[in-house]
Protein backbone atom coordinates (compact mmCIF):
# COMPACT_ATOMS: atom_id res chain seq x y z
CA TYR A 1 -11.46 12.53 11.77
CA SER A 2 -11.40 9.59 14.18
CA SER A 3 -9.96 6.24 13.11
CA LEU A 4 -11.55 4.56 16.14
CA GLU A 5 -15.01 5.90 15.31
CA LEU A 6 -14.53 4.86 11.69
CA SER A 7 -13.48 1.37 12.75
CA ARG A 8 -16.54 0.98 14.95
CA SER A 9 -18.95 2.25 12.30
CA VAL A 10 -17.52 0.02 9.59
CA PHE A 11 -17.60 -3.13 11.70
CA THR A 12 -21.09 -2.31 12.97
CA SER A 13 -22.57 -1.81 9.51
CA HIS A 14 -20.42 -4.41 7.74
CA PRO A 15 -19.48 -7.20 10.18
CA VAL A 16 -16.56 -9.28 8.97
CA PRO A 17 -17.37 -13.01 8.92
CA ALA A 18 -15.11 -15.04 11.19
CA ASN A 19 -13.14 -18.14 10.23
CA ARG A 20 -13.03 -17.53 6.52
CA ALA A 21 -12.28 -20.84 4.81
CA ASN A 22 -12.22 -19.90 1.14
CA GLY A 23 -8.59 -20.86 0.61
CA ASP A 24 -7.39 -17.29 0.03
CA LYS A 25 -4.24 -16.01 1.71
CA TYR A 26 -3.20 -12.38 1.98
CA SER A 27 0.45 -11.31 1.97
CA VAL A 28 0.94 -7.79 3.36
CA LEU A 29 4.10 -6.05 2.15
CA LEU A 30 5.49 -3.42 4.55
CA PRO A 31 8.56 -1.57 3.23
CA THR A 32 10.28 0.24 6.09
CA TYR A 33 13.01 2.81 6.58
CA ASN A 34 13.37 4.35 10.02
CA GLU A 35 9.97 3.16 11.26
CA ARG A 36 10.92 1.64 14.63
CA GLU A 37 8.20 3.60 16.43
CA ASN A 38 5.42 2.96 13.91
CA LEU A 39 6.15 -0.69 13.08
CA PRO A 40 4.93 -2.24 16.37
CA LEU A 41 1.65 -0.33 16.06
CA ILE A 42 0.91 -1.25 12.46
CA VAL A 43 1.84 -4.90 13.04
CA TRP A 44 -0.33 -5.10 16.17
CA LEU A 45 -3.29 -3.67 14.28
CA LEU A 46 -2.79 -6.01 11.34
CA VAL A 47 -2.51 -9.07 13.59
CA LYS A 48 -5.56 -7.98 15.57
CA TYR A 49 -7.87 -7.41 12.61
CA PHE A 50 -6.68 -10.39 10.59
CA GLY A 51 -6.96 -12.62 13.65
CA GLU A 52 -10.48 -11.45 14.45
CA SER A 53 -11.62 -11.89 10.85
CA GLY A 54 -10.27 -15.40 10.38
CA TYR A 55 -8.46 -14.56 7.14
CA ASN A 56 -5.18 -16.37 6.43
CA TYR A 57 -2.33 -13.88 6.25
CA GLU A 58 1.36 -13.11 6.53
CA ILE A 59 3.16 -9.78 7.06
CA ILE A 60 6.41 -9.30 5.16
CA VAL A 61 8.66 -6.54 6.50
CA ILE A 62 11.21 -5.27 3.97
CA ASP A 63 13.61 -3.05 5.87
CA ASP A 64 16.21 -1.12 3.87
CA GLY A 65 19.02 -0.99 6.41
CA SER A 66 17.32 1.48 8.74
CA PRO A 67 19.89 3.11 11.04
CA ASP A 68 17.26 3.65 13.77
CA GLY A 69 16.95 -0.05 14.67
CA THR A 70 13.77 -0.89 12.75
CA GLN A 71 15.11 -4.33 11.86
CA GLU A 72 15.77 -5.17 15.53
CA VAL A 73 12.18 -4.18 16.33
CA ALA A 74 10.94 -6.46 13.55
CA GLU A 75 12.95 -9.34 15.00
CA GLN A 76 11.26 -8.80 18.36
CA LEU A 77 7.86 -8.78 16.67
CA GLN A 78 8.73 -12.13 15.08
CA LYS A 79 9.31 -13.59 18.52
CA ILE A 80 5.98 -12.25 19.74
CA TYR A 81 3.74 -13.21 16.84
CA GLY A 82 5.69 -16.05 15.22
CA ASP A 83 7.92 -16.19 12.16
CA ASP A 84 5.10 -17.81 10.19
CA LYS A 85 3.12 -14.54 10.48
CA ILE A 86 5.94 -11.97 10.56
CA LEU A 87 8.50 -12.51 7.82
CA LEU A 88 11.57 -10.28 7.93
CA ARG A 89 13.19 -9.88 4.52
CA PRO A 90 15.70 -7.02 4.95
CA ARG A 91 18.04 -5.42 2.45
CA ALA A 92 21.41 -3.84 3.17
CA ASN A 93 20.67 -0.40 1.71
CA LYS A 94 17.88 1.98 0.78
CA LEU A 95 17.21 0.90 -2.80
CA GLY A 96 13.82 2.43 -3.56
CA LEU A 97 10.16 1.71 -2.88
CA GLY A 98 9.52 -0.12 -6.14
CA THR A 99 12.35 -2.60 -5.68
CA ALA A 100 11.25 -3.13 -2.05
CA TYR A 101 7.85 -4.33 -3.26
CA ILE A 102 9.48 -6.56 -5.86
CA HIS A 103 11.79 -8.03 -3.22
CA GLY A 104 8.92 -8.66 -0.83
CA MET A 105 6.72 -10.20 -3.49
CA LYS A 106 9.34 -12.89 -4.16
CA HIS A 107 8.74 -14.14 -0.63
CA ALA A 108 4.94 -13.85 -0.63
CA THR A 109 3.02 -17.11 -0.41
CA GLY A 110 -0.49 -15.63 -0.60
CA ASN A 111 -2.62 -15.55 -3.73
CA PHE A 112 -3.44 -11.90 -2.91
CA VAL A 113 -0.87 -9.22 -2.08
CA ILE A 114 -1.64 -6.05 -0.14
CA ILE A 115 0.80 -3.14 -0.31
CA MET A 116 0.58 -0.33 2.21
CA ASP A 117 2.69 2.19 4.13
CA ALA A 118 4.13 1.29 7.53
CA ASP A 119 3.73 4.80 8.97
CA LEU A 120 0.02 4.48 9.89
CA SER A 121 -1.05 6.96 7.21
CA HIS A 122 -3.16 4.06 5.90
CA HIS A 123 -5.43 2.87 8.69
CA VAL A 124 -5.67 -0.92 8.83
CA ILE A 125 -9.47 -0.73 8.77
CA TYR A 126 -9.29 -0.01 5.04
CA ILE A 127 -7.94 -3.49 4.43
CA PHE A 128 -11.37 -4.74 5.38
CA ILE A 129 -13.03 -2.28 3.06
CA PHE A 130 -10.96 -4.05 0.43
CA PHE A 131 -12.46 -7.30 1.68
CA PHE A 132 -15.96 -5.90 1.40
CA LEU A 133 -15.11 -4.87 -2.14
CA SER A 134 -13.80 -8.39 -2.78
CA ARG A 135 -17.41 -9.45 -3.16
CA LYS A 136 -17.58 -7.07 -6.08
CA GLN A 137 -14.18 -8.38 -7.18
CA LYS A 138 -15.60 -11.88 -7.35
CA GLU A 139 -18.47 -10.60 -9.47
CA GLY A 140 -16.32 -8.44 -11.76
CA ASP A 141 -13.10 -10.43 -11.29
CA TYR A 142 -11.02 -7.31 -10.53
CA ASP A 143 -7.30 -7.81 -10.98
CA LEU A 144 -6.39 -5.08 -8.52
CA VAL A 145 -8.21 -2.82 -6.07
CA SER A 146 -6.74 0.59 -5.28
CA GLY A 147 -7.48 2.97 -2.44
CA THR A 148 -8.28 6.45 -3.72
CA ARG A 149 -8.14 9.81 -1.96
CA TYR A 150 -9.95 11.55 -4.82
CA LEU A 151 -13.35 9.86 -5.04
CA GLY A 152 -16.39 9.83 -2.78
CA SER A 153 -15.52 10.14 0.90
CA GLY A 154 -11.77 9.85 0.29
CA GLY A 155 -9.46 12.64 1.40
CA VAL A 156 -6.28 13.82 3.13
CA TYR A 157 -6.34 14.72 6.82
CA GLY A 158 -4.06 15.89 9.62
CA TRP A 159 -1.20 17.42 7.64
CA ASP A 160 0.72 20.39 8.98
CA LEU A 161 0.26 23.42 6.73
CA PRO A 162 3.89 23.75 5.51
CA PHE A 163 4.06 20.12 4.45
CA LEU A 164 0.58 20.28 2.97
CA PHE A 165 2.06 22.26 0.10
CA ILE A 166 4.63 19.53 -0.56
CA SER A 167 3.12 16.07 -0.28
CA PRO A 168 -0.71 16.02 -0.60
CA SER A 169 -0.72 18.91 -3.07
CA PHE A 170 2.13 17.33 -4.98
CA SER A 171 0.21 14.06 -5.15
CA ARG A 172 -2.90 15.81 -6.43
CA GLY A 173 -0.86 17.71 -9.02
CA ALA A 174 0.99 14.56 -10.03
CA ASN A 175 -2.31 12.75 -10.48
CA PHE A 176 -3.70 15.61 -12.57
CA LEU A 177 -0.69 15.64 -14.91
CA THR A 178 -0.81 11.88 -15.27
CA GLN A 179 -4.53 11.94 -16.03
CA VAL A 180 -3.96 14.49 -18.80
CA LEU A 181 -0.91 12.81 -20.34
CA LEU A 182 -1.63 9.10 -19.89
CA ARG A 183 -5.39 8.71 -19.31
CA PRO A 184 -4.89 5.71 -17.03
CA GLY A 185 -8.52 5.09 -16.11
CA ALA A 186 -7.96 5.37 -12.33
CA SER A 187 -8.28 8.39 -10.03
CA ASP A 188 -5.38 7.91 -7.58
CA LEU A 189 -2.12 6.93 -9.24
CA THR A 190 0.40 7.83 -6.54
CA GLY A 191 -1.30 6.10 -3.63
CA SER A 192 0.32 3.04 -2.11
CA PHE A 193 -2.63 1.17 -0.61
CA ARG A 194 -3.62 -1.58 -2.99
CA LEU A 195 -4.75 -5.18 -3.24
CA TYR A 196 -3.42 -7.24 -6.13
CA LYS A 197 -3.93 -10.73 -7.38
CA LYS A 198 -0.44 -12.10 -6.94
CA LYS A 199 -0.19 -13.36 -10.53
CA VAL A 200 -1.21 -9.93 -11.79
CA LEU A 201 1.35 -8.21 -9.59
CA GLU A 202 4.07 -10.55 -10.86
CA SER A 203 3.13 -9.75 -14.43
CA LEU A 204 3.19 -6.01 -13.79
CA VAL A 205 6.53 -5.86 -11.99
CA GLU A 206 8.17 -7.74 -14.86
CA ARG A 207 7.36 -4.75 -17.04
CA CYS A 208 7.95 -1.90 -14.60
CA VAL A 209 11.25 -0.04 -14.72
CA SER A 210 10.64 2.54 -11.97
CA LYS A 211 12.19 2.26 -8.53
CA GLY A 212 10.88 5.16 -6.45
CA TYR A 213 7.74 7.25 -6.03
CA VAL A 214 6.76 6.84 -9.69
CA PHE A 215 6.50 3.05 -9.29
CA GLN A 216 2.89 3.25 -8.08
CA MET A 217 1.86 5.29 -11.11
CA GLU A 218 3.62 3.00 -13.54
CA MET A 219 1.85 -0.05 -12.09
CA ILE A 220 -1.56 1.44 -12.92
CA VAL A 221 -0.43 2.51 -16.39
CA ARG A 222 0.96 -0.95 -17.14
CA ALA A 223 -2.23 -2.53 -15.83
CA ARG A 224 -4.21 -0.48 -18.32
CA GLN A 225 -1.85 -1.56 -21.13
CA LEU A 226 -2.40 -5.21 -20.27
CA ASN A 227 -6.17 -4.75 -19.97
CA TYR A 228 -6.26 -5.66 -16.28
CA THR A 229 -9.34 -4.50 -14.42
CA VAL A 230 -9.03 -1.95 -11.61
CA GLY A 231 -11.48 -1.35 -8.78
CA GLU A 232 -11.29 1.70 -6.49
CA VAL A 233 -12.50 2.39 -2.97
CA PRO A 234 -12.36 5.79 -1.18
CA ILE A 235 -9.86 6.01 1.70
CA SER A 236 -8.68 8.70 4.09
CA PHE A 237 -4.95 9.42 4.10
CA VAL A 238 -3.65 10.81 7.41
CA ASP A 239 -0.35 12.23 8.60
CA ARG A 240 2.17 9.72 9.95
CA VAL A 241 2.17 9.12 13.70
CA TYR A 242 5.94 9.13 14.26
CA GLY A 243 8.97 10.04 12.17
CA GLU A 244 9.45 12.10 9.05
CA SER A 245 8.18 11.72 5.50
CA LYS A 246 10.52 10.11 2.97
CA LEU A 247 9.30 12.30 0.10
CA GLY A 248 12.01 14.74 -0.93
CA GLY A 249 13.26 16.71 -3.88
CA ASN A 250 14.94 13.70 -5.50
CA GLU A 251 11.69 11.74 -5.49
CA ILE A 252 9.81 14.64 -7.07
CA VAL A 253 12.41 14.97 -9.84
CA SER A 254 12.32 11.19 -10.34
CA PHE A 255 8.53 11.30 -10.65
CA VAL A 256 8.61 13.97 -13.35
CA LYS A 257 11.25 12.04 -15.31
CA GLY A 258 9.25 8.84 -14.97
CA LEU A 259 6.03 10.52 -16.08
CA LEU A 260 7.71 11.88 -19.23
CA THR A 261 9.26 8.49 -19.96
CA LEU A 262 5.88 6.77 -19.71
CA PHE A 263 4.28 9.43 -21.88
CA ALA A 264 6.93 8.84 -24.55
CA THR A 265 6.81 5.05 -24.42
CA THR A 266 3.16 4.13 -23.80
């Protein structure tokens, strides 16, 4: 698997028009916790691809009091790229992924919101696959577009064997259980690479009660309840470049509790 080769092939076969002037603006939400080594890379890639495409954008970094100096790195990135493009909206403590997205959304000025991981497990090239799919979104008026590891060419790559039994396999098992219990009408419920209409995202978070790993699943389930339309595009999920995964036993227990709560209340 080569992200560089993928990038070249995608841009060769699907060139991105420059200087897009359709009035759309994309707000990218990047929750961070101990990502000082990954953050400069992901921000550089985002700035590069957004700049080359001509899309209007902003990157909102929501740091949860990282002890490794992630916030200081974000402040330096603001000086480099400008505080109109890099918005730092930190919080004092680690309060959960779901609430991080909610916090970041309050500061988003775009009419579309992209959520993604800051650890480079989601290659930035897939944002532009979302843009290619936006043509279909215009035709079908999709309310949200979700990256999926479980359809077409999607997959999981680069994981060490011991962790493979924890995270990717857990995600696949979590998706299977959710499909059986909730029938959500989407293939990847635990992924965190999505494009939302901002108004739709605001409507969904008003109804979501989850804070951690289960938040992503609940968003899809609530979308189905409200009859929002969901598009999917295959993506490859790769191991983080630096640092350690945040998925632990507490998140797994929280997911199971959240799944049972949704099954009982939806």
